[in-house]
C-alpha atoms as a PDB file:
ATOM      1  CA  MET A   1       4.368 -22.259  52.362  1.00  0.00           C
ATOM      2  CA  GLY A   2       5.054 -18.514  53.833  1.00  0.00           C
ATOM      3  CA  PRO A   3       8.177 -19.215  55.394  1.00  0.00           C
ATOM      4  CA  PHE A   4      10.076 -20.647  52.232  1.00  0.00           C
ATOM      5  CA  LEU A   5       8.313 -18.476  49.791  1.00  0.00           C
ATOM      6  CA  GLY A   6       9.134 -15.390  52.031  1.00  0.00           C
ATOM      7  CA  GLY A   7      13.022 -16.407  52.516  1.00  0.00           C
ATOM      8  CA  TRP A   8      13.193 -16.998  48.764  1.00  0.00           C
ATOM      9  CA  LEU A   9      11.944 -13.298  47.521  1.00  0.00           C
ATOM     10  CA  ILE A  10      14.676 -11.782  50.513  1.00  0.00           C
ATOM     11  CA  ASP A  11      17.278 -13.795  48.677  1.00  0.00           C
ATOM     12  CA  SER A  12      16.828 -13.482  45.600  1.00  0.00           C
ATOM     13  CA  VAL A  13      14.460 -10.350  44.977  1.00  0.00           C
ATOM     14  CA  SER A  14      13.674  -7.875  47.811  1.00  0.00           C
ATOM     15  CA  TRP A  15      11.773  -8.249  50.966  1.00  0.00           C
ATOM     16  CA  ARG A  16       9.587  -5.316  49.717  1.00  0.00           C
ATOM     17  CA  LEU A  17       7.586  -7.340  47.664  1.00  0.00           C
ATOM     18  CA  VAL A  18       5.978  -9.058  50.626  1.00  0.00           C
ATOM     19  CA  PHE A  19       4.092  -6.000  50.738  1.00  0.00           C
ATOM     20  CA  LEU A  20       2.619  -6.556  47.044  1.00  0.00           C
ATOM     21  CA  LEU A  21       2.335 -10.169  47.175  1.00  0.00           C
ATOM     22  CA  ASN A  22      -0.993  -9.698  49.100  1.00  0.00           C
ATOM     23  CA  LEU A  23      -2.671  -8.200  46.473  1.00  0.00           C
ATOM     24  CA  PRO A  24      -2.941 -10.861  43.905  1.00  0.00           C
ATOM     25  CA  LEU A  25      -3.565 -13.189  46.596  1.00  0.00           C
ATOM     26  CA  ALA A  26      -6.314 -10.955  47.701  1.00  0.00           C
ATOM     27  CA  ALA A  27      -7.716 -10.529  44.239  1.00  0.00           C
ATOM     28  CA  LEU A  28      -7.601 -15.063  43.967  1.00  0.00           C
ATOM     29  CA  ALA A  29      -9.610 -15.071  46.939  1.00  0.00           C
ATOM     30  CA  VAL A  30     -12.229 -12.719  46.293  1.00  0.00           C
ATOM     31  CA  ALA A  31     -12.652 -14.493  42.685  1.00  0.00           C
ATOM     32  CA  VAL A  32     -12.858 -17.661  44.308  1.00  0.00           C
ATOM     33  CA  THR A  33     -15.222 -16.788  47.039  1.00  0.00           C
ATOM     34  CA  LEU A  34     -17.722 -15.174  44.953  1.00  0.00           C
ATOM     35  CA  ARG A  35     -17.879 -18.192  42.636  1.00  0.00           C
ATOM     36  CA  HIS A  36     -17.822 -21.084  44.707  1.00  0.00           C
ATOM     37  CA  VAL A  37     -19.049 -19.786  48.674  1.00  0.00           C
ATOM     38  CA  PRO A  38     -22.311 -19.807  48.935  1.00  0.00           C
ATOM     39  CA  GLU A  39     -23.875 -16.683  50.908  1.00  0.00           C
ATOM     40  CA  SER A  40     -24.521 -16.847  54.923  1.00  0.00           C
ATOM     41  CA  GLY A  41     -26.085 -14.312  56.758  1.00  0.00           C
ATOM     42  CA  ASP A  42     -28.125 -13.032  59.504  1.00  0.00           C
ATOM     43  CA  PRO A  43     -31.441 -12.530  58.876  1.00  0.00           C
ATOM     44  CA  ASP A  44     -32.148  -9.931  61.734  1.00  0.00           C
ATOM     45  CA  ALA A  45     -29.209  -7.894  60.869  1.00  0.00           C
ATOM     46  CA  VAL A  46     -29.236  -4.224  59.429  1.00  0.00           C
ATOM     47  CA  SER A  47     -27.790  -3.814  56.217  1.00  0.00           C
ATOM     48  CA  ARG A  48     -25.785  -1.211  56.401  1.00  0.00           C
ATOM     49  CA  PRO A  49     -21.742  -1.152  58.109  1.00  0.00           C
ATOM     50  CA  ASP A  50     -20.875  -0.699  61.016  1.00  0.00           C
ATOM     51  CA  VAL A  51     -18.526   2.123  60.409  1.00  0.00           C
ATOM     52  CA  PRO A  52     -18.180   3.847  64.046  1.00  0.00           C
ATOM     53  CA  GLY A  53     -17.055  -0.133  64.761  1.00  0.00           C
ATOM     54  CA  ALA A  54     -14.715  -0.582  62.116  1.00  0.00           C
ATOM     55  CA  VAL A  55     -13.341   2.811  62.592  1.00  0.00           C
ATOM     56  CA  THR A  56     -12.402   2.560  66.540  1.00  0.00           C
ATOM     57  CA  VAL A  57     -10.859  -1.034  66.453  1.00  0.00           C
ATOM     58  CA  SER A  58      -8.664  -0.011  63.315  1.00  0.00           C
ATOM     59  CA  VAL A  59      -7.749   3.124  65.538  1.00  0.00           C
ATOM     60  CA  GLY A  60      -6.706   1.081  68.767  1.00  0.00           C
ATOM     61  CA  LEU A  61      -5.117  -1.742  67.649  1.00  0.00           C
ATOM     62  CA  GLY A  62      -2.953   0.404  64.864  1.00  0.00           C
ATOM     63  CA  ALA A  63      -2.006   2.844  67.851  1.00  0.00           C
ATOM     64  CA  LEU A  64      -1.509   0.218  70.108  1.00  0.00           C
ATOM     65  CA  ALA A  65       0.843  -2.001  67.837  1.00  0.00           C
ATOM     66  CA  TYR A  66       2.776   1.345  67.100  1.00  0.00           C
ATOM     67  CA  ALA A  67       3.191   1.814  70.954  1.00  0.00           C
ATOM     68  CA  LEU A  68       4.212  -1.735  71.508  1.00  0.00           C
ATOM     69  CA  ILE A  69       6.839  -1.710  68.668  1.00  0.00           C
ATOM     70  CA  GLU A  70       8.340   1.513  69.164  1.00  0.00           C
ATOM     71  CA  GLY A  71       8.374   1.309  72.808  1.00  0.00           C
ATOM     72  CA  ALA A  72      11.109  -1.603  72.590  1.00  0.00           C
ATOM     73  CA  GLY A  73      13.737   1.520  71.869  1.00  0.00           C
ATOM     74  CA  GLY A  74      12.486   3.578  74.111  1.00  0.00           C
ATOM     75  CA  PHE A  75       8.949   4.507  75.508  1.00  0.00           C
ATOM     76  CA  GLY A  76       8.640   8.424  75.242  1.00  0.00           C
ATOM     77  CA  ALA A  77       5.872  10.975  74.921  1.00  0.00           C
ATOM     78  CA  VAL A  78       4.933   9.770  71.469  1.00  0.00           C
ATOM     79  CA  GLU A  79       4.433   6.247  72.561  1.00  0.00           C
ATOM     80  CA  ALA A  80       2.862   6.717  75.311  1.00  0.00           C
ATOM     81  CA  ALA A  81       0.262   9.104  73.836  1.00  0.00           C
ATOM     82  CA  ALA A  82      -0.138   6.232  71.107  1.00  0.00           C
ATOM     83  CA  ALA A  83      -0.811   3.426  73.940  1.00  0.00           C
ATOM     84  CA  VAL A  84      -3.774   6.166  75.342  1.00  0.00           C
ATOM     85  CA  VAL A  85      -5.445   6.683  72.061  1.00  0.00           C
ATOM     86  CA  GLY A  86      -5.118   2.555  71.579  1.00  0.00           C
ATOM     87  CA  VAL A  87      -6.454   1.882  74.606  1.00  0.00           C
ATOM     88  CA  ALA A  88      -9.240   4.165  74.371  1.00  0.00           C
ATOM     89  CA  SER A  89     -10.130   3.557  71.129  1.00  0.00           C
ATOM     90  CA  LEU A  90     -10.189  -0.242  71.812  1.00  0.00           C
ATOM     91  CA  ALA A  91     -12.769   0.747  75.035  1.00  0.00           C
ATOM     92  CA  GLY A  92     -15.008   2.998  72.368  1.00  0.00           C
ATOM     93  CA  PHE A  93     -15.098   0.105  70.428  1.00  0.00           C
ATOM     94  CA  VAL A  94     -16.606  -2.124  73.095  1.00  0.00           C
ATOM     95  CA  VAL A  95     -18.992   0.384  73.805  1.00  0.00           C
ATOM     96  CA  VAL A  96     -20.061   0.754  70.475  1.00  0.00           C
ATOM     97  CA  GLU A  97     -20.789  -2.694  69.573  1.00  0.00           C
ATOM     98  CA  GLY A  98     -22.315  -2.835  72.625  1.00  0.00           C
ATOM     99  CA  ARG A  99     -24.673  -0.102  71.959  1.00  0.00           C
ATOM    100  CA  LEU A 100     -25.571  -1.374  68.454  1.00  0.00           C
ATOM    101  CA  GLY A 101     -26.045  -4.853  69.516  1.00  0.00           C
ATOM    102  CA  ARG A 102     -28.731  -3.717  72.169  1.00  0.00           C
ATOM    103  CA  SER A 103     -32.246  -5.165  70.407  1.00  0.00           C
ATOM    104  CA  GLY A 104     -34.883  -1.836  69.921  1.00  0.00           C
ATOM    105  CA  HIS A 105     -32.181   0.524  70.148  1.00  0.00           C
ATOM    106  CA  ALA A 106     -33.998   3.871  69.027  1.00  0.00           C
ATOM    107  CA  ASP A 107     -31.145   5.002  66.877  1.00  0.00           C
ATOM    108  CA  ARG A 108     -29.939   1.516  65.523  1.00  0.00           C
ATOM    109  CA  ARG A 109     -29.001   1.826  61.625  1.00  0.00           C
ATOM    110  CA  SER A 110     -26.049  -1.007  61.333  1.00  0.00           C
ATOM    111  CA  SER A 111     -25.758  -4.198  63.179  1.00  0.00           C
ATOM    112  CA  PRO A 112     -22.232  -4.371  65.102  1.00  0.00           C
ATOM    113  CA  MET A 113     -19.571  -6.074  63.613  1.00  0.00           C
ATOM    114  CA  LEU A 114     -19.107  -7.659  66.734  1.00  0.00           C
ATOM    115  CA  PRO A 115     -22.136  -8.781  68.351  1.00  0.00           C
ATOM    116  CA  LEU A 116     -20.653  -9.082  72.155  1.00  0.00           C
ATOM    117  CA  GLY A 117     -23.656 -11.333  72.884  1.00  0.00           C
ATOM    118  CA  MET A 118     -21.611 -14.004  71.027  1.00  0.00           C
ATOM    119  CA  PHE A 119     -18.920 -14.072  74.045  1.00  0.00           C
ATOM    120  CA  ARG A 120     -21.939 -15.539  76.629  1.00  0.00           C
ATOM    121  CA  SER A 121     -20.986 -19.267  74.883  1.00  0.00           C
ATOM    122  CA  ARG A 122     -18.304 -20.216  77.100  1.00  0.00           C
ATOM    123  CA  GLN A 123     -17.244 -22.429  74.637  1.00  0.00           C
ATOM    124  CA  PHE A 124     -16.886 -19.559  71.752  1.00  0.00           C
ATOM    125  CA  SER A 125     -15.114 -17.180  74.477  1.00  0.00           C
ATOM    126  CA  GLY A 126     -12.491 -20.236  75.639  1.00  0.00           C
ATOM    127  CA  ALA A 127     -11.885 -21.465  71.850  1.00  0.00           C
ATOM    128  CA  ASN A 128     -10.848 -17.486  71.067  1.00  0.00           C
ATOM    129  CA  ALA A 129      -8.440 -17.778  74.312  1.00  0.00           C
ATOM    130  CA  THR A 130      -7.056 -20.719  73.337  1.00  0.00           C
ATOM    131  CA  THR A 131      -6.518 -19.446  69.754  1.00  0.00           C
ATOM    132  CA  PHE A 132      -5.164 -16.343  71.170  1.00  0.00           C
ATOM    133  CA  ALA A 133      -2.637 -17.973  73.370  1.00  0.00           C
ATOM    134  CA  VAL A 134      -1.197 -20.309  70.808  1.00  0.00           C
ATOM    135  CA  TYR A 135      -1.357 -17.766  67.742  1.00  0.00           C
ATOM    136  CA  ALA A 136       0.667 -15.702  70.386  1.00  0.00           C
ATOM    137  CA  ALA A 137       3.320 -18.112  70.360  1.00  0.00           C
ATOM    138  CA  LEU A 138       2.870 -19.383  66.900  1.00  0.00           C
ATOM    139  CA  GLY A 139       3.937 -15.563  66.023  1.00  0.00           C
ATOM    140  CA  GLY A 140       6.516 -14.342  68.418  1.00  0.00           C
ATOM    141  CA  ALA A 141       8.293 -17.944  67.947  1.00  0.00           C
ATOM    142  CA  THR A 142       9.045 -18.565  64.752  1.00  0.00           C
ATOM    143  CA  PHE A 143       9.688 -14.485  63.795  1.00  0.00           C
ATOM    144  CA  LEU A 144      12.638 -15.022  66.515  1.00  0.00           C
ATOM    145  CA  LEU A 145      13.596 -19.006  65.463  1.00  0.00           C
ATOM    146  CA  VAL A 146      14.368 -17.356  61.881  1.00  0.00           C
ATOM    147  CA  LEU A 147      16.647 -15.081  62.907  1.00  0.00           C
ATOM    148  CA  GLN A 148      18.406 -17.049  65.171  1.00  0.00           C
ATOM    149  CA  LEU A 149      18.873 -19.398  62.797  1.00  0.00           C
ATOM    150  CA  GLN A 150      20.088 -16.624  60.177  1.00  0.00           C
ATOM    151  CA  VAL A 151      21.933 -14.746  62.823  1.00  0.00           C
ATOM    152  CA  GLY A 152      23.338 -17.659  65.356  1.00  0.00           C
ATOM    153  CA  LEU A 153      23.532 -20.619  63.008  1.00  0.00           C
ATOM    154  CA  GLY A 154      24.548 -18.812  59.551  1.00  0.00           C
ATOM    155  CA  TYR A 155      21.378 -19.616  57.656  1.00  0.00           C
ATOM    156  CA  SER A 156      20.164 -17.689  54.562  1.00  0.00           C
ATOM    157  CA  ALA A 157      16.740 -16.339  54.806  1.00  0.00           C
ATOM    158  CA  LEU A 158      15.475 -18.992  52.171  1.00  0.00           C
ATOM    159  CA  ALA A 159      17.092 -21.858  54.451  1.00  0.00           C
ATOM    160  CA  ALA A 160      15.797 -20.881  57.296  1.00  0.00           C
ATOM    161  CA  GLY A 161      12.379 -20.698  55.810  1.00  0.00           C
ATOM    162  CA  ALA A 162      12.808 -23.840  54.231  1.00  0.00           C
ATOM    163  CA  SER A 163      13.888 -25.017  57.882  1.00  0.00           C
ATOM    164  CA  LEU A 164       9.943 -24.732  59.087  1.00  0.00           C
ATOM    165  CA  LEU A 165       8.747 -26.861  55.558  1.00  0.00           C
ATOM    166  CA  PRO A 166       8.203 -29.772  58.397  1.00  0.00           C
ATOM    167  CA  VAL A 167       5.246 -27.835  59.896  1.00  0.00           C
ATOM    168  CA  THR A 168       3.886 -27.351  56.142  1.00  0.00           C
ATOM    169  CA  LEU A 169       3.840 -31.179  55.378  1.00  0.00           C
ATOM    170  CA  LEU A 170       2.670 -31.917  58.850  1.00  0.00           C
ATOM    171  CA  MET A 171      -0.468 -29.779  58.674  1.00  0.00           C
ATOM    172  CA  LEU A 172      -1.517 -30.618  54.913  1.00  0.00           C
ATOM    173  CA  THR A 173      -1.012 -34.195  55.733  1.00  0.00           C
ATOM    174  CA  LEU A 174      -2.953 -34.438  59.285  1.00  0.00           C
ATOM    175  CA  SER A 175      -4.986 -31.357  59.570  1.00  0.00           C
ATOM    176  CA  ALA A 176      -8.305 -33.714  57.811  1.00  0.00           C
ATOM    177  CA  ARG A 177      -7.219 -36.611  59.791  1.00  0.00           C
ATOM    178  CA  THR A 178      -7.308 -34.519  62.889  1.00  0.00           C
ATOM    179  CA  ALA A 179     -10.714 -32.719  61.616  1.00  0.00           C
ATOM    180  CA  GLN A 180     -12.076 -36.350  61.355  1.00  0.00           C
ATOM    181  CA  LEU A 181     -11.288 -37.486  64.767  1.00  0.00           C
ATOM    182  CA  ALA A 182     -12.621 -34.044  66.185  1.00  0.00           C
ATOM    183  CA  GLN A 183     -15.703 -35.250  64.470  1.00  0.00           C
ATOM    184  CA  ARG A 184     -15.876 -38.526  66.668  1.00  0.00           C
ATOM    185  CA  ILE A 185     -14.743 -37.482  70.035  1.00  0.00           C
ATOM    186  CA  GLY A 186     -15.301 -33.904  70.118  1.00  0.00           C
ATOM    187  CA  PRO A 187     -12.533 -30.567  69.985  1.00  0.00           C
ATOM    188  CA  ARG A 188     -12.376 -30.944  73.873  1.00  0.00           C
ATOM    189  CA  TRP A 189      -9.559 -33.337  73.784  1.00  0.00           C
ATOM    190  CA  PRO A 190      -7.458 -32.526  70.400  1.00  0.00           C
ATOM    191  CA  MET A 191      -7.589 -28.656  71.648  1.00  0.00           C
ATOM    192  CA  THR A 192      -5.680 -29.605  74.846  1.00  0.00           C
ATOM    193  CA  VAL A 193      -3.137 -32.419  73.904  1.00  0.00           C
ATOM    194  CA  GLY A 194      -1.916 -30.136  70.941  1.00  0.00           C
ATOM    195  CA  PRO A 195      -1.018 -27.391  72.314  1.00  0.00           C
ATOM    196  CA  VAL A 196       0.847 -29.516  74.924  1.00  0.00           C
ATOM    197  CA  LEU A 197       2.847 -30.734  71.926  1.00  0.00           C
ATOM    198  CA  VAL A 198       3.658 -27.407  70.504  1.00  0.00           C
ATOM    199  CA  ALA A 199       4.514 -26.129  74.067  1.00  0.00           C
ATOM    200  CA  ALA A 200       7.026 -29.011  74.095  1.00  0.00           C
ATOM    201  CA  GLY A 201       8.432 -28.618  70.607  1.00  0.00           C
ATOM    202  CA  LEU A 202       9.041 -25.163  71.932  1.00  0.00           C
ATOM    203  CA  VAL A 203      11.285 -26.182  74.655  1.00  0.00           C
ATOM    204  CA  GLY A 204      13.481 -27.854  72.863  1.00  0.00           C
ATOM    205  CA  LEU A 205      13.310 -24.982  70.432  1.00  0.00           C
ATOM    206  CA  SER A 206      14.741 -22.956  73.285  1.00  0.00           C
ATOM    207  CA  ARG A 207      18.041 -25.002  73.004  1.00  0.00           C
ATOM    208  CA  VAL A 208      18.724 -23.757  69.267  1.00  0.00           C
ATOM    209  CA  GLU A 209      22.023 -21.947  70.009  1.00  0.00           C
ATOM    210  CA  ALA A 210      25.446 -21.147  67.464  1.00  0.00           C
ATOM    211  CA  GLY A 211      27.155 -24.234  66.161  1.00  0.00           C
ATOM    212  CA  GLN A 212      24.109 -26.623  66.629  1.00  0.00           C
ATOM    213  CA  SER A 213      23.107 -29.388  63.474  1.00  0.00           C
ATOM    214  CA  TYR A 214      19.451 -29.025  62.394  1.00  0.00           C
ATOM    215  CA  VAL A 215      19.452 -32.406  62.043  1.00  0.00           C
ATOM    216  CA  VAL A 216      19.842 -33.118  65.830  1.00  0.00           C
ATOM    217  CA  VAL A 217      18.327 -30.064  67.377  1.00  0.00           C
ATOM    218  CA  VAL A 218      15.795 -27.768  65.192  1.00  0.00           C
ATOM    219  CA  LEU A 219      14.273 -30.567  63.058  1.00  0.00           C
ATOM    220  CA  PRO A 220      13.083 -33.136  66.187  1.00  0.00           C
ATOM    221  CA  ALA A 221      11.670 -29.705  67.673  1.00  0.00           C
ATOM    222  CA  VAL A 222      10.224 -28.304  64.764  1.00  0.00           C
ATOM    223  CA  VAL A 223       8.268 -31.593  64.075  1.00  0.00           C
ATOM    224  CA  VAL A 224       7.015 -31.934  67.409  1.00  0.00           C
ATOM    225  CA  PHE A 225       5.998 -28.012  66.934  1.00  0.00           C
ATOM    226  CA  GLY A 226       4.135 -29.052  63.691  1.00  0.00           C
ATOM    227  CA  LEU A 227       2.342 -31.994  65.244  1.00  0.00           C
ATOM    228  CA  GLY A 228       1.283 -29.905  67.721  1.00  0.00           C
ATOM    229  CA  LEU A 229      -0.637 -27.449  65.127  1.00  0.00           C
ATOM    230  CA  ALA A 230      -1.889 -30.074  63.591  1.00  0.00           C
ATOM    231  CA  VAL A 231      -3.511 -31.633  66.147  1.00  0.00           C
ATOM    232  CA  THR A 232      -4.758 -28.259  67.190  1.00  0.00           C
ATOM    233  CA  VAL A 233      -5.996 -26.251  64.628  1.00  0.00           C
ATOM    234  CA  ALA A 234      -8.396 -27.938  62.653  1.00  0.00           C
ATOM    235  CA  PRO A 235     -10.599 -29.001  66.130  1.00  0.00           C
ATOM    236  CA  LEU A 236     -10.039 -25.316  67.391  1.00  0.00           C
ATOM    237  CA  THR A 237     -11.909 -23.858  64.265  1.00  0.00           C
ATOM    238  CA  SER A 238     -14.951 -26.627  64.439  1.00  0.00           C
ATOM    239  CA  ALA A 239     -15.278 -25.694  68.351  1.00  0.00           C
ATOM    240  CA  VAL A 240     -15.596 -21.733  67.317  1.00  0.00           C
ATOM    241  CA  LEU A 241     -18.258 -22.488  64.810  1.00  0.00           C
ATOM    242  CA  ALA A 242     -19.846 -24.882  66.934  1.00  0.00           C
ATOM    243  CA  GLY A 243     -20.434 -22.352  69.672  1.00  0.00           C
ATOM    244  CA  VAL A 244     -22.335 -19.764  68.187  1.00  0.00           C
ATOM    245  CA  ASP A 245     -25.846 -20.389  66.048  1.00  0.00           C
ATOM    246  CA  ASP A 246     -25.905 -20.492  62.367  1.00  0.00           C
ATOM    247  CA  ALA A 247     -26.524 -16.685  61.932  1.00  0.00           C
ATOM    248  CA  HIS A 248     -23.724 -15.623  63.368  1.00  0.00           C
ATOM    249  CA  MET A 249     -21.012 -18.280  62.036  1.00  0.00           C
ATOM    250  CA  GLY A 250     -19.733 -16.376  59.371  1.00  0.00           C
ATOM    251  CA  VAL A 251     -19.058 -13.432  62.211  1.00  0.00           C
ATOM    252  CA  ALA A 252     -17.361 -15.926  64.386  1.00  0.00           C
ATOM    253  CA  SER A 253     -14.945 -17.076  61.686  1.00  0.00           C
ATOM    254  CA  GLY A 254     -13.942 -13.705  61.176  1.00  0.00           C
ATOM    255  CA  VAL A 255     -13.308 -13.228  65.094  1.00  0.00           C
ATOM    256  CA  ASN A 256     -11.182 -16.124  65.369  1.00  0.00           C
ATOM    257  CA  ASN A 257      -9.081 -15.185  62.246  1.00  0.00           C
ATOM    258  CA  ALA A 258      -8.795 -11.648  63.662  1.00  0.00           C
ATOM    259  CA  VAL A 259      -7.841 -13.114  67.082  1.00  0.00           C
ATOM    260  CA  ALA A 260      -5.294 -14.951  65.469  1.00  0.00           C
ATOM    261  CA  ARG A 261      -3.670 -12.056  63.803  1.00  0.00           C
ATOM    262  CA  VAL A 262      -3.661  -9.752  66.737  1.00  0.00           C
ATOM    263  CA  ALA A 263      -2.090 -12.235  68.777  1.00  0.00           C
ATOM    264  CA  GLY A 264       1.024 -12.602  66.615  1.00  0.00           C
ATOM    265  CA  LEU A 265       1.107  -8.923  66.061  1.00  0.00           C
ATOM    266  CA  LEU A 266       1.277  -8.280  69.857  1.00  0.00           C
ATOM    267  CA  ALA A 267       3.610 -11.301  70.615  1.00  0.00           C
ATOM    268  CA  VAL A 268       5.742  -9.817  67.507  1.00  0.00           C
ATOM    269  CA  GLY A 269       5.785  -6.220  69.295  1.00  0.00           C
ATOM    270  CA  VAL A 270       5.975  -7.253  72.841  1.00  0.00           C
ATOM    271  CA  LEU A 271       7.789 -10.803  73.166  1.00  0.00           C
ATOM    272  CA  PRO A 272      11.383  -9.301  72.612  1.00  0.00           C
ATOM    273  CA  ALA A 273      11.675  -6.821  74.851  1.00  0.00           C
ATOM    274  CA  LEU A 274       9.789  -8.969  77.680  1.00  0.00           C
ATOM    275  CA  ALA A 275      12.155 -11.834  77.188  1.00  0.00           C
ATOM    276  CA  GLY A 276      15.230  -9.413  76.531  1.00  0.00           C
ATOM    277  CA  VAL A 277      15.890 -10.686  73.459  1.00  0.00           C
ATOM    278  CA  ASP A 278      19.292  -8.903  71.259  1.00  0.00           C
ATOM    279  CA  LEU A 279      17.704  -8.237  67.567  1.00  0.00           C
ATOM    280  CA  ALA A 280      21.456  -6.621  67.104  1.00  0.00           C
ATOM    281  CA  GLY A 281      22.697 -10.058  67.276  1.00  0.00           C
ATOM    282  CA  SER A 282      25.839 -11.415  67.431  1.00  0.00           C
ATOM    283  CA  GLU A 283      27.990 -14.371  66.320  1.00  0.00           C
ATOM    284  CA  ALA A 284      26.352 -15.972  69.572  1.00  0.00           C
ATOM    285  CA  GLY A 285      23.106 -15.404  67.997  1.00  0.00           C
ATOM    286  CA  LEU A 286      20.136 -13.633  69.651  1.00  0.00           C
ATOM    287  CA  GLY A 287      21.649 -14.096  73.198  1.00  0.00           C
ATOM    288  CA  ASP A 288      20.199 -15.600  76.062  1.00  0.00           C
ATOM    289  CA  GLY A 289      16.908 -13.833  75.463  1.00  0.00           C
ATOM    290  CA  PHE A 290      16.022 -16.232  72.206  1.00  0.00           C
ATOM    291  CA  GLY A 291      15.736 -18.873  74.828  1.00  0.00           C
ATOM    292  CA  ARG A 292      13.509 -17.231  77.172  1.00  0.00           C
ATOM    293  CA  ALA A 293      11.341 -16.223  74.394  1.00  0.00           C
ATOM    294  CA  MET A 294      10.651 -19.799  73.374  1.00  0.00           C
ATOM    295  CA  LEU A 295      10.033 -20.679  76.742  1.00  0.00           C
ATOM    296  CA  VAL A 296       7.675 -17.899  77.462  1.00  0.00           C
ATOM    297  CA  CYS A 297       5.761 -18.976  74.279  1.00  0.00           C
ATOM    298  CA  ALA A 298       5.845 -22.512  75.553  1.00  0.00           C
ATOM    299  CA  ALA A 299       4.047 -21.367  78.755  1.00  0.00           C
ATOM    300  CA  LEU A 300       1.612 -19.446  76.504  1.00  0.00           C
ATOM    301  CA  CYS A 301       0.677 -22.929  74.784  1.00  0.00           C
ATOM    302  CA  LEU A 302      -0.037 -24.692  78.129  1.00  0.00           C
ATOM    303  CA  ALA A 303      -2.311 -22.143  79.194  1.00  0.00           C
ATOM    304  CA  GLY A 304      -4.098 -22.017  76.018  1.00  0.00           C
ATOM    305  CA  ALA A 305      -4.350 -26.299  76.597  1.00  0.00           C
ATOM    306  CA  ALA A 306      -5.794 -25.307  80.191  1.00  0.00           C
ATOM    307  CA  VAL A 307      -8.705 -23.195  79.009  1.00  0.00           C
ATOM    308  CA  ALA A 308      -9.290 -25.538  76.193  1.00  0.00           C
ATOM    309  CA  PHE A 309      -9.767 -28.516  79.052  1.00  0.00           C
ATOM    310  CA  ALA A 310     -11.866 -26.207  81.251  1.00  0.00           C
ATOM    311  CA  THR A 311     -14.086 -24.688  78.212  1.00  0.00           C
ATOM    312  CA  VAL A 312     -14.452 -26.590  75.408  1.00  0.00           C
ATOM    313  CA  ARG A 313     -16.776 -29.595  75.368  1.00  0.00           C
ATOM    314  CA  THR A 314     -17.921 -30.922  71.858  1.00  0.00           C
ATOM    315  CA  ALA A 315     -18.779 -29.555  68.455  1.00  0.00           C
ATOM    316  CA  THR A 316     -22.722 -30.316  67.647  1.00  0.00           C
ATOM    317  CA  ARG A 317     -22.616 -29.042  63.795  1.00  0.00           C
ATOM    318  CA  THR A 318     -20.399 -32.137  62.818  1.00  0.00           C
ATOM    319  CA  ASP A 319     -20.950 -31.868  58.796  1.00  0.00           C
ATOM    320  CA  GLN A 320     -20.944 -28.452  58.300  1.00  0.00           C
ATOM    321  CA  VAL A 321     -18.156 -27.357  61.076  1.00  0.00           C
ATOM    322  CA  VAL A 322     -15.524 -30.302  60.154  1.00  0.00           C
ATOM    323  CA  GLN A 323     -15.777 -29.607  56.456  1.00  0.00           C
ATOM    324  CA  ALA A 324     -14.811 -25.563  57.096  1.00  0.00           C
ATOM    325  CA  SER A 325     -12.072 -27.116  59.403  1.00  0.00           C
ATOM    326  CA  VAL A 326     -10.698 -28.740  56.733  1.00  0.00           C
ATOM    327  CA  ASP A 327     -11.303 -26.412  54.015  1.00  0.00           C
ATOM    328  CA  HIS A 328      -9.587 -23.951  56.735  1.00  0.00           C
ATOM    329  CA  PRO A 329      -6.999 -25.542  58.057  1.00  0.00           C
ATOM    330  CA  CYS A 330      -4.359 -22.875  59.264  1.00  0.00           C
ATOM    331  CA  HIS A 331      -3.937 -19.079  59.211  1.00  0.00           C
ATOM    332  CA  HIS A 332      -0.076 -19.307  59.316  1.00  0.00           C
ATOM    333  CA  PRO A 333       1.251 -16.210  60.127  1.00  0.00           C
ATOM    334  CA  ASP A 334       4.822 -15.908  58.665  1.00  0.00           C
ATOM    335  CA  VAL A 335       3.975 -14.533  55.062  1.00  0.00           C
ATOM    336  CA  ALA A 336       8.056 -13.340  55.198  1.00  0.00           C
ATOM    337  CA  VAL A 337      10.968 -14.571  56.833  1.00  0.00           C
ATOM    338  CA  PRO A 338      12.427 -11.670  58.852  1.00  0.00           C
ATOM    339  CA  ARG A 339      16.150 -10.713  58.202  1.00  0.00           C
ATOM    340  CA  ARG A 340      18.340  -9.674  60.884  1.00  0.00           C
ATOM    341  CA  ALA A 341      18.800  -6.330  59.669  1.00  0.00           C
ATOM    342  CA  ASP A 342      14.894  -6.041  59.284  1.00  0.00           C
ATOM    343  CA  ALA A 343      14.145  -7.316  62.845  1.00  0.00           C
ATOM    344  CA  ALA A 344      16.555  -4.876  63.803  1.00  0.00           C
END
């Protein structure tokens, strides 16, 4: 419901409420989790939090995101310094996690927030690589699509958000069925076919230009796009969780969610500059760069499909994994629909 609700907030109140909207939703999530979600954990983990890991990864992602976003308007000394700090901090994060993950380390006072040993699982690594590719495409494409609809086709923010409701309906209708299918045949084929369908929808969206009809051009592409996501997301979650042992299932879910968020963040920061998108816009929309951006996103999805086909085999914990997939169907990045002025 994010795009629709975000569009309503922009048109009716203010886009600034998007930053407050997260607070009651987070409070509700915490309350529901404490009351209804059973505890799980690693019995061998040290109870103290991994403060060095949290600091290095937060600084690294924040600085790198700043450099990418601000660098689109001109890469100066400040942006270069931020990029260096970001890369160095992320490298430090890997070093810190590797040191904490060594069993028997003399100074080990906490367990790593990201046990690097999980990535020895080919399926876990491959499923997260597919997540990165598909969610980078998802975040970049939806961000630019709603801008193209507003700038080039004259939609309001609410109408632009409502244009993506078919994706929501398809996810609600098909996610549970797709999870059941993955239980029977394994997640490999859904995770291969789904991103291909998403790519096909993005190719269709690359044709969205000023003066075109929603029903003729936008809707068919959005439907194919939504079908692809519905086929992909639940099996992807099951593949991630099946790639690790029981003690690390909570961490695996958190890693997969973080990968999806980082992918969307990087796509929004990099894709417009990479494709030559004119975020200032004109009567013709975002220019030729919009179509190129959709094709780049389609290529990312095809790469994700290839990785899934090569690395994902089957889910072994069918009962609990499929239930987790049904209960956790999609990390949708678009809480708000951006406006032309906000994006510029």
